[in-house]
Structure formats: C-alpha cells, structure tokens
Amino acid sequence: MKNNTIKSIKPMKNGILKVVLDTGNSLSVDMSDKLMTARFGVLKNSDVWQTADTDGNFVHWYKDDIEVVELSFDELMQMTLGSAY
C-alpha cells in the first residue's frame, strides 16, 4: 500500500479533499478540523484551498504563487486510516 501515489486532487466544500490514487481508489478526506490548526489555517481562505495540486507524492497549496502548505501521501493515509496505516 505504501507504494501508491496520488493521481489527482479535488478540493471540495467544507474542507473535504477528494483524492484519487493511481490504483483507481478514491478517498474523501475531511480536513475541516485541521483548518483550525496553525499548520493548515491558511487553507480556510477559499482562494488558497482551491489551489490544491499534486506531484503524486504530496499535495501542495499556494498563496500568490508561493507554496504555503504541503501534505504527504503518508499523512493523507494517516488522516484516513489512523493507526491502521
């Protein structure tokens, strides 16, 4: 499972991030609680939230063309599966 990569990302409303893996499986990751933290707080700005893209291993968000948040594949899996990952 740890060899999977992220195929695509789609930021949805209310802090939900749709993630499609290269296996064809998809996840809906609820990040709404994370948006209240120092690390992810900038993502409350919908203009920043909508900039989400991926290089296959990380999700990146930008403000004024500068990366402001990075989230790894492993962190996404941890958010989704918890200690089972």
PDB file of N, CA and C in Angstrom:
ATOM      1  N   MET A   1       0.808  -1.193   0.000  1.00  0.00           N
ATOM      2  CA  MET A   1       0.000   0.000   0.000  1.00  0.00           C
ATOM      3  C   MET A   1       0.854   1.260   0.000  1.00  0.00           C
ATOM      4  N   LYS A   2       1.991   1.245   0.622  1.00  0.00           N
ATOM      5  CA  LYS A   2       2.804   2.457   0.738  1.00  0.00           C
ATOM      6  C   LYS A   2       3.453   2.867  -0.571  1.00  0.00           C
ATOM      7  N   ASN A   3       3.350   2.049  -1.627  1.00  0.00           N
ATOM      8  CA  ASN A   3       3.906   2.423  -2.916  1.00  0.00           C
ATOM      9  C   ASN A   3       2.916   3.192  -3.777  1.00  0.00           C
ATOM     10  N   ASN A   4       1.686   3.328  -3.329  1.00  0.00           N
ATOM     11  CA  ASN A   4       0.679   4.066  -4.079  1.00  0.00           C
ATOM     12  C   ASN A   4       1.060   5.533  -4.179  1.00  0.00           C
ATOM     13  N   THR A   5       0.553   6.151  -5.205  1.00  0.00           N
ATOM     14  CA  THR A   5       0.750   7.591  -5.350  1.00  0.00           C
ATOM     15  C   THR A   5      -0.584   8.257  -5.632  1.00  0.00           C
ATOM     16  N   ILE A   6      -0.582   9.561  -5.523  1.00  0.00           N
ATOM     17  CA  ILE A   6      -1.784  10.356  -5.728  1.00  0.00           C
ATOM     18  C   ILE A   6      -1.895  10.686  -7.209  1.00  0.00           C
ATOM     19  N   LYS A   7      -3.016  10.346  -7.805  1.00  0.00           N
ATOM     20  CA  LYS A   7      -3.241  10.628  -9.220  1.00  0.00           C
ATOM     21  C   LYS A   7      -3.840  12.021  -9.407  1.00  0.00           C
ATOM     22  N   SER A   8      -4.823  12.355  -8.563  1.00  0.00           N
ATOM     23  CA  SER A   8      -5.443  13.674  -8.684  1.00  0.00           C
ATOM     24  C   SER A   8      -6.038  14.112  -7.356  1.00  0.00           C
ATOM     25  N   ILE A   9      -6.259  15.415  -7.275  1.00  0.00           N
ATOM     26  CA  ILE A   9      -6.789  16.061  -6.072  1.00  0.00           C
ATOM     27  C   ILE A   9      -7.905  16.996  -6.499  1.00  0.00           C
ATOM     28  N   LYS A  10      -8.973  17.022  -5.720  1.00  0.00           N
ATOM     29  CA  LYS A  10     -10.025  17.998  -5.972  1.00  0.00           C
ATOM     30  C   LYS A  10     -10.502  18.559  -4.631  1.00  0.00           C
ATOM     31  N   PRO A  11     -10.227  19.829  -4.375  1.00  0.00           N
ATOM     32  CA  PRO A  11     -10.726  20.442  -3.144  1.00  0.00           C
ATOM     33  C   PRO A  11     -12.229  20.684  -3.253  1.00  0.00           C
ATOM     34  N   MET A  12     -12.961  20.208  -2.277  1.00  0.00           N
ATOM     35  CA  MET A  12     -14.419  20.343  -2.256  1.00  0.00           C
ATOM     36  C   MET A  12     -14.807  21.372  -1.187  1.00  0.00           C
ATOM     37  N   LYS A  13     -16.093  21.573  -1.019  1.00  0.00           N
ATOM     38  CA  LYS A  13     -16.582  22.497   0.009  1.00  0.00           C
ATOM     39  C   LYS A  13     -16.383  21.910   1.401  1.00  0.00           C
ATOM     40  N   ASN A  14     -16.380  22.797   2.388  1.00  0.00           N
ATOM     41  CA  ASN A  14     -16.359  22.417   3.804  1.00  0.00           C
ATOM     42  C   ASN A  14     -15.123  21.621   4.222  1.00  0.00           C
ATOM     43  N   GLY A  15     -13.989  21.870   3.576  1.00  0.00           N
ATOM     44  CA  GLY A  15     -12.755  21.229   3.995  1.00  0.00           C
ATOM     45  C   GLY A  15     -12.603  19.782   3.583  1.00  0.00           C
ATOM     46  N   ILE A  16     -13.377  19.338   2.613  1.00  0.00           N
ATOM     47  CA  ILE A  16     -13.267  17.965   2.123  1.00  0.00           C
ATOM     48  C   ILE A  16     -12.323  17.957   0.922  1.00  0.00           C
ATOM     49  N   LEU A  17     -11.364  17.050   0.957  1.00  0.00           N
ATOM     50  CA  LEU A  17     -10.399  16.908  -0.121  1.00  0.00           C
ATOM     51  C   LEU A  17     -10.626  15.555  -0.783  1.00  0.00           C
ATOM     52  N   LYS A  18     -10.996  15.562  -2.059  1.00  0.00           N
ATOM     53  CA  LYS A  18     -11.176  14.315  -2.806  1.00  0.00           C
ATOM     54  C   LYS A  18      -9.832  13.928  -3.394  1.00  0.00           C
ATOM     55  N   VAL A  19      -9.412  12.712  -3.104  1.00  0.00           N
ATOM     56  CA  VAL A  19      -8.109  12.209  -3.521  1.00  0.00           C
ATOM     57  C   VAL A  19      -8.332  10.949  -4.356  1.00  0.00           C
ATOM     58  N   VAL A  20      -7.772  10.929  -5.560  1.00  0.00           N
ATOM     59  CA  VAL A  20      -7.815   9.731  -6.390  1.00  0.00           C
ATOM     60  C   VAL A  20      -6.398   9.171  -6.447  1.00  0.00           C
ATOM     61  N   LEU A  21      -6.274   7.896  -6.109  1.00  0.00           N
ATOM     62  CA  LEU A  21      -4.972   7.222  -6.104  1.00  0.00           C
ATOM     63  C   LEU A  21      -4.705   6.583  -7.457  1.00  0.00           C
ATOM     64  N   ASP A  22      -3.458   6.285  -7.732  1.00  0.00           N
ATOM     65  CA  ASP A  22      -3.108   5.670  -9.017  1.00  0.00           C
ATOM     66  C   ASP A  22      -3.717   4.281  -9.169  1.00  0.00           C
ATOM     67  N   THR A  23      -4.176   3.695  -8.081  1.00  0.00           N
ATOM     68  CA  THR A  23      -4.843   2.384  -8.125  1.00  0.00           C
ATOM     69  C   THR A  23      -6.281   2.490  -8.610  1.00  0.00           C
ATOM     70  N   GLY A  24      -6.789   3.733  -8.683  1.00  0.00           N
ATOM     71  CA  GLY A  24      -8.185   3.947  -9.047  1.00  0.00           C
ATOM     72  C   GLY A  24      -9.079   4.145  -7.835  1.00  0.00           C
ATOM     73  N   ASN A  25      -8.585   3.810  -6.662  1.00  0.00           N
ATOM     74  CA  ASN A  25      -9.347   4.042  -5.437  1.00  0.00           C
ATOM     75  C   ASN A  25      -9.405   5.529  -5.150  1.00  0.00           C
ATOM     76  N   SER A  26     -10.481   5.950  -4.500  1.00  0.00           N
ATOM     77  CA  SER A  26     -10.585   7.363  -4.136  1.00  0.00           C
ATOM     78  C   SER A  26     -10.928   7.496  -2.662  1.00  0.00           C
ATOM     79  N   LEU A  27     -10.530   8.624  -2.111  1.00  0.00           N
ATOM     80  CA  LEU A  27     -10.762   8.942  -0.706  1.00  0.00           C
ATOM     81  C   LEU A  27     -11.402  10.314  -0.614  1.00  0.00           C
ATOM     82  N   SER A  28     -12.228  10.499   0.358  1.00  0.00           N
ATOM     83  CA  SER A  28     -12.709  11.830   0.720  1.00  0.00           C
ATOM     84  C   SER A  28     -12.156  12.101   2.109  1.00  0.00           C
ATOM     85  N   VAL A  29     -11.214  13.024   2.178  1.00  0.00           N
ATOM     86  CA  VAL A  29     -10.536  13.321   3.432  1.00  0.00           C
ATOM     87  C   VAL A  29     -11.146  14.583   4.024  1.00  0.00           C
ATOM     88  N   ASP A  30     -11.721  14.454   5.211  1.00  0.00           N
ATOM     89  CA  ASP A  30     -12.312  15.594   5.899  1.00  0.00           C
ATOM     90  C   ASP A  30     -11.211  16.319   6.666  1.00  0.00           C
ATOM     91  N   MET A  31     -10.817  17.470   6.151  1.00  0.00           N
ATOM     92  CA  MET A  31      -9.755  18.252   6.775  1.00  0.00           C
ATOM     93  C   MET A  31     -10.308  19.435   7.567  1.00  0.00           C
ATOM     94  N   SER A  32     -11.620  19.488   7.748  1.00  0.00           N
ATOM     95  CA  SER A  32     -12.239  20.660   8.386  1.00  0.00           C
ATOM     96  C   SER A  32     -11.660  20.938   9.776  1.00  0.00           C
ATOM     97  N   ASP A  33     -11.403  19.918  10.570  1.00  0.00           N
ATOM     98  CA  ASP A  33     -10.796  20.132  11.892  1.00  0.00           C
ATOM     99  C   ASP A  33      -9.362  20.641  11.777  1.00  0.00           C
ATOM    100  N   LYS A  34      -8.654  20.179  10.754  1.00  0.00           N
ATOM    101  CA  LYS A  34      -7.259  20.595  10.552  1.00  0.00           C
ATOM    102  C   LYS A  34      -7.158  22.078  10.200  1.00  0.00           C
ATOM    103  N   LEU A  35      -8.220  22.630   9.598  1.00  0.00           N
ATOM    104  CA  LEU A  35      -8.189  24.031   9.182  1.00  0.00           C
ATOM    105  C   LEU A  35      -8.151  24.988  10.372  1.00  0.00           C
ATOM    106  N   MET A  36      -8.323  24.464  11.567  1.00  0.00           N
ATOM    107  CA  MET A  36      -8.263  25.286  12.773  1.00  0.00           C
ATOM    108  C   MET A  36      -6.874  25.276  13.406  1.00  0.00           C
ATOM    109  N   THR A  37      -5.924  24.593  12.769  1.00  0.00           N
ATOM    110  CA  THR A  37      -4.573  24.497  13.321  1.00  0.00           C
ATOM    111  C   THR A  37      -3.647  25.525  12.669  1.00  0.00           C
ATOM    112  N   ALA A  38      -2.525  25.780  13.320  1.00  0.00           N
ATOM    113  CA  ALA A  38      -1.556  26.739  12.783  1.00  0.00           C
ATOM    114  C   ALA A  38      -1.020  26.283  11.425  1.00  0.00           C
ATOM    115  N   ARG A  39      -0.773  25.010  11.279  1.00  0.00           N
ATOM    116  CA  ARG A  39      -0.203  24.500  10.025  1.00  0.00           C
ATOM    117  C   ARG A  39      -1.146  24.656   8.841  1.00  0.00           C
ATOM    118  N   PHE A  40      -2.424  24.365   9.042  1.00  0.00           N
ATOM    119  CA  PHE A  40      -3.381  24.342   7.938  1.00  0.00           C
ATOM    120  C   PHE A  40      -4.344  25.527   7.925  1.00  0.00           C
ATOM    121  N   GLY A  41      -4.237  26.432   8.872  1.00  0.00           N
ATOM    122  CA  GLY A  41      -5.169  27.551   8.997  1.00  0.00           C
ATOM    123  C   GLY A  41      -5.308  28.398   7.752  1.00  0.00           C
ATOM    124  N   VAL A  42      -4.244  28.566   7.000  1.00  0.00           N
ATOM    125  CA  VAL A  42      -4.291  29.380   5.782  1.00  0.00           C
ATOM    126  C   VAL A  42      -5.256  28.778   4.746  1.00  0.00           C
ATOM    127  N   LEU A  43      -5.544  27.493   4.874  1.00  0.00           N
ATOM    128  CA  LEU A  43      -6.445  26.832   3.930  1.00  0.00           C
ATOM    129  C   LEU A  43      -7.903  27.211   4.142  1.00  0.00           C
ATOM    130  N   LYS A  44      -8.213  27.919   5.230  1.00  0.00           N
ATOM    131  CA  LYS A  44      -9.574  28.440   5.425  1.00  0.00           C
ATOM    132  C   LYS A  44      -9.914  29.454   4.346  1.00  0.00           C
ATOM    133  N   ASN A  45      -8.898  30.088   3.783  1.00  0.00           N
ATOM    134  CA  ASN A  45      -9.101  31.027   2.677  1.00  0.00           C
ATOM    135  C   ASN A  45      -9.446  30.199   1.436  1.00  0.00           C
ATOM    136  N   SER A  46     -10.654  30.344   0.918  1.00  0.00           N
ATOM    137  CA  SER A  46     -11.094  29.502  -0.194  1.00  0.00           C
ATOM    138  C   SER A  46     -10.224  29.656  -1.434  1.00  0.00           C
ATOM    139  N   ASP A  47      -9.650  30.838  -1.639  1.00  0.00           N
ATOM    140  CA  ASP A  47      -8.760  31.022  -2.791  1.00  0.00           C
ATOM    141  C   ASP A  47      -7.515  30.142  -2.657  1.00  0.00           C
ATOM    142  N   VAL A  48      -6.993  30.011  -1.448  1.00  0.00           N
ATOM    143  CA  VAL A  48      -5.839  29.150  -1.212  1.00  0.00           C
ATOM    144  C   VAL A  48      -6.270  27.685  -1.289  1.00  0.00           C
ATOM    145  N   TRP A  49      -7.386  27.336  -0.673  1.00  0.00           N
ATOM    146  CA  TRP A  49      -7.887  25.954  -0.660  1.00  0.00           C
ATOM    147  C   TRP A  49      -8.019  25.414  -2.088  1.00  0.00           C
ATOM    148  N   GLN A  50      -8.508  26.242  -2.986  1.00  0.00           N
ATOM    149  CA  GLN A  50      -8.750  25.816  -4.366  1.00  0.00           C
ATOM    150  C   GLN A  50      -7.473  25.615  -5.183  1.00  0.00           C
ATOM    151  N   THR A  51      -6.316  26.028  -4.678  1.00  0.00           N
ATOM    152  CA  THR A  51      -5.068  25.877  -5.430  1.00  0.00           C
ATOM    153  C   THR A  51      -4.452  24.488  -5.310  1.00  0.00           C
ATOM    154  N   ALA A  52      -5.081  23.595  -4.574  1.00  0.00           N
ATOM    155  CA  ALA A  52      -4.503  22.267  -4.333  1.00  0.00           C
ATOM    156  C   ALA A  52      -4.089  21.582  -5.630  1.00  0.00           C
ATOM    157  N   ASP A  53      -2.864  21.065  -5.629  1.00  0.00           N
ATOM    158  CA  ASP A  53      -2.399  20.224  -6.725  1.00  0.00           C
ATOM    159  C   ASP A  53      -1.493  19.143  -6.143  1.00  0.00           C
ATOM    160  N   THR A  54      -1.070  18.233  -6.992  1.00  0.00           N
ATOM    161  CA  THR A  54      -0.240  17.132  -6.514  1.00  0.00           C
ATOM    162  C   THR A  54       0.869  16.813  -7.508  1.00  0.00           C
ATOM    163  N   ASP A  55       1.966  16.322  -6.965  1.00  0.00           N
ATOM    164  CA  ASP A  55       3.058  15.807  -7.798  1.00  0.00           C
ATOM    165  C   ASP A  55       3.097  14.278  -7.712  1.00  0.00           C
ATOM    166  N   GLY A  56       2.066  13.700  -7.110  1.00  0.00           N
ATOM    167  CA  GLY A  56       1.975  12.248  -6.949  1.00  0.00           C
ATOM    168  C   GLY A  56       2.313  11.780  -5.545  1.00  0.00           C
ATOM    169  N   ASN A  57       3.201  12.491  -4.879  1.00  0.00           N
ATOM    170  CA  ASN A  57       3.591  12.115  -3.527  1.00  0.00           C
ATOM    171  C   ASN A  57       3.136  13.107  -2.468  1.00  0.00           C
ATOM    172  N   PHE A  58       2.882  14.324  -2.879  1.00  0.00           N
ATOM    173  CA  PHE A  58       2.476  15.390  -1.966  1.00  0.00           C
ATOM    174  C   PHE A  58       1.319  16.178  -2.560  1.00  0.00           C
ATOM    175  N   VAL A  59       0.528  16.774  -1.668  1.00  0.00           N
ATOM    176  CA  VAL A  59      -0.467  17.770  -2.063  1.00  0.00           C
ATOM    177  C   VAL A  59       0.120  19.111  -1.668  1.00  0.00           C
ATOM    178  N   HIS A  60       0.021  20.085  -2.555  1.00  0.00           N
ATOM    179  CA  HIS A  60       0.575  21.414  -2.317  1.00  0.00           C
ATOM    180  C   HIS A  60      -0.538  22.452  -2.448  1.00  0.00           C
ATOM    181  N   TRP A  61      -0.470  23.485  -1.630  1.00  0.00           N
ATOM    182  CA  TRP A  61      -1.360  24.638  -1.728  1.00  0.00           C
ATOM    183  C   TRP A  61      -0.518  25.895  -1.828  1.00  0.00           C
ATOM    184  N   TYR A  62      -1.048  26.892  -2.531  1.00  0.00           N
ATOM    185  CA  TYR A  62      -0.273  28.099  -2.827  1.00  0.00           C
ATOM    186  C   TYR A  62      -1.043  29.371  -2.501  1.00  0.00           C
ATOM    187  N   LYS A  63      -0.305  30.390  -2.149  1.00  0.00           N
ATOM    188  CA  LYS A  63      -0.845  31.741  -1.998  1.00  0.00           C
ATOM    189  C   LYS A  63       0.109  32.661  -2.748  1.00  0.00           C
ATOM    190  N   ASP A  64      -0.433  33.414  -3.682  1.00  0.00           N
ATOM    191  CA  ASP A  64       0.393  34.306  -4.505  1.00  0.00           C
ATOM    192  C   ASP A  64       1.562  33.554  -5.137  1.00  0.00           C
ATOM    193  N   ASP A  65       1.278  32.366  -5.662  1.00  0.00           N
ATOM    194  CA  ASP A  65       2.262  31.519  -6.352  1.00  0.00           C
ATOM    195  C   ASP A  65       3.394  31.000  -5.462  1.00  0.00           C
ATOM    196  N   ILE A  66       3.241  31.107  -4.155  1.00  0.00           N
ATOM    197  CA  ILE A  66       4.227  30.590  -3.207  1.00  0.00           C
ATOM    198  C   ILE A  66       3.576  29.448  -2.431  1.00  0.00           C
ATOM    199  N   GLU A  67       4.263  28.316  -2.366  1.00  0.00           N
ATOM    200  CA  GLU A  67       3.716  27.181  -1.622  1.00  0.00           C
ATOM    201  C   GLU A  67       3.611  27.541  -0.145  1.00  0.00           C
ATOM    202  N   VAL A  68       2.426  27.318   0.416  1.00  0.00           N
ATOM    203  CA  VAL A  68       2.218  27.646   1.827  1.00  0.00           C
ATOM    204  C   VAL A  68       1.929  26.415   2.680  1.00  0.00           C
ATOM    205  N   VAL A  69       1.468  25.332   2.059  1.00  0.00           N
ATOM    206  CA  VAL A  69       1.191  24.098   2.803  1.00  0.00           C
ATOM    207  C   VAL A  69       1.538  22.915   1.907  1.00  0.00           C
ATOM    208  N   GLU A  70       2.103  21.890   2.535  1.00  0.00           N
ATOM    209  CA  GLU A  70       2.420  20.644   1.850  1.00  0.00           C
ATOM    210  C   GLU A  70       1.925  19.499   2.734  1.00  0.00           C
ATOM    211  N   LEU A  71       1.324  18.508   2.108  1.00  0.00           N
ATOM    212  CA  LEU A  71       0.794  17.352   2.821  1.00  0.00           C
ATOM    213  C   LEU A  71       1.235  16.104   2.074  1.00  0.00           C
ATOM    214  N   SER A  72       1.886  15.187   2.765  1.00  0.00           N
ATOM    215  CA  SER A  72       2.414  13.985   2.101  1.00  0.00           C
ATOM    216  C   SER A  72       1.342  12.907   1.946  1.00  0.00           C
ATOM    217  N   PHE A  73       1.618  11.971   1.050  1.00  0.00           N
ATOM    218  CA  PHE A  73       0.757  10.810   0.861  1.00  0.00           C
ATOM    219  C   PHE A  73       0.577  10.071   2.183  1.00  0.00           C
ATOM    220  N   ASP A  74       1.665   9.866   2.906  1.00  0.00           N
ATOM    221  CA  ASP A  74       1.581   9.152   4.185  1.00  0.00           C
ATOM    222  C   ASP A  74       0.703   9.892   5.187  1.00  0.00           C
ATOM    223  N   GLU A  75       0.786  11.222   5.209  1.00  0.00           N
ATOM    224  CA  GLU A  75      -0.074  11.996   6.117  1.00  0.00           C
ATOM    225  C   GLU A  75      -1.547  11.862   5.730  1.00  0.00           C
ATOM    226  N   LEU A  76      -1.832  11.854   4.444  1.00  0.00           N
ATOM    227  CA  LEU A  76      -3.218  11.647   3.989  1.00  0.00           C
ATOM    228  C   LEU A  76      -3.737  10.290   4.440  1.00  0.00           C
ATOM    229  N   MET A  77      -2.892   9.263   4.297  1.00  0.00           N
ATOM    230  CA  MET A  77      -3.300   7.921   4.713  1.00  0.00           C
ATOM    231  C   MET A  77      -3.505   7.855   6.227  1.00  0.00           C
ATOM    232  N   GLN A  78      -2.656   8.540   6.957  1.00  0.00           N
ATOM    233  CA  GLN A  78      -2.775   8.588   8.420  1.00  0.00           C
ATOM    234  C   GLN A  78      -4.094   9.255   8.819  1.00  0.00           C
ATOM    235  N   MET A  79      -4.456  10.334   8.122  1.00  0.00           N
ATOM    236  CA  MET A  79      -5.720  11.032   8.411  1.00  0.00           C
ATOM    237  C   MET A  79      -6.915  10.140   8.106  1.00  0.00           C
ATOM    238  N   THR A  80      -6.776   9.312   7.081  1.00  0.00           N
ATOM    239  CA  THR A  80      -7.890   8.467   6.634  1.00  0.00           C
ATOM    240  C   THR A  80      -7.987   7.172   7.434  1.00  0.00           C
ATOM    241  N   LEU A  81      -6.862   6.512   7.632  1.00  0.00           N
ATOM    242  CA  LEU A  81      -6.857   5.183   8.252  1.00  0.00           C
ATOM    243  C   LEU A  81      -6.427   5.176   9.702  1.00  0.00           C
ATOM    244  N   GLY A  82      -5.879   6.289  10.179  1.00  0.00           N
ATOM    245  CA  GLY A  82      -5.411   6.348  11.554  1.00  0.00           C
ATOM    246  C   GLY A  82      -4.273   5.371  11.797  1.00  0.00           C
ATOM    247  N   SER A  83      -4.275   4.753  12.947  1.00  0.00           N
ATOM    248  CA  SER A  83      -3.180   3.858  13.322  1.00  0.00           C
ATOM    249  C   SER A  83      -3.163   2.567  12.497  1.00  0.00           C
ATOM    250  N   ALA A  84      -4.231   2.302  11.738  1.00  0.00           N
ATOM    251  CA  ALA A  84      -4.251   1.117  10.894  1.00  0.00           C
ATOM    252  C   ALA A  84      -3.248   1.224   9.756  1.00  0.00           C
ATOM    253  N   TYR A  85      -2.822   2.458   9.448  1.00  0.00           N
ATOM    254  CA  TYR A  85      -1.832   2.670   8.388  1.00  0.00           C
ATOM    255  C   TYR A  85      -0.476   2.550   9.007  1.00  0.00           C
TER     256      TYR A  85
END
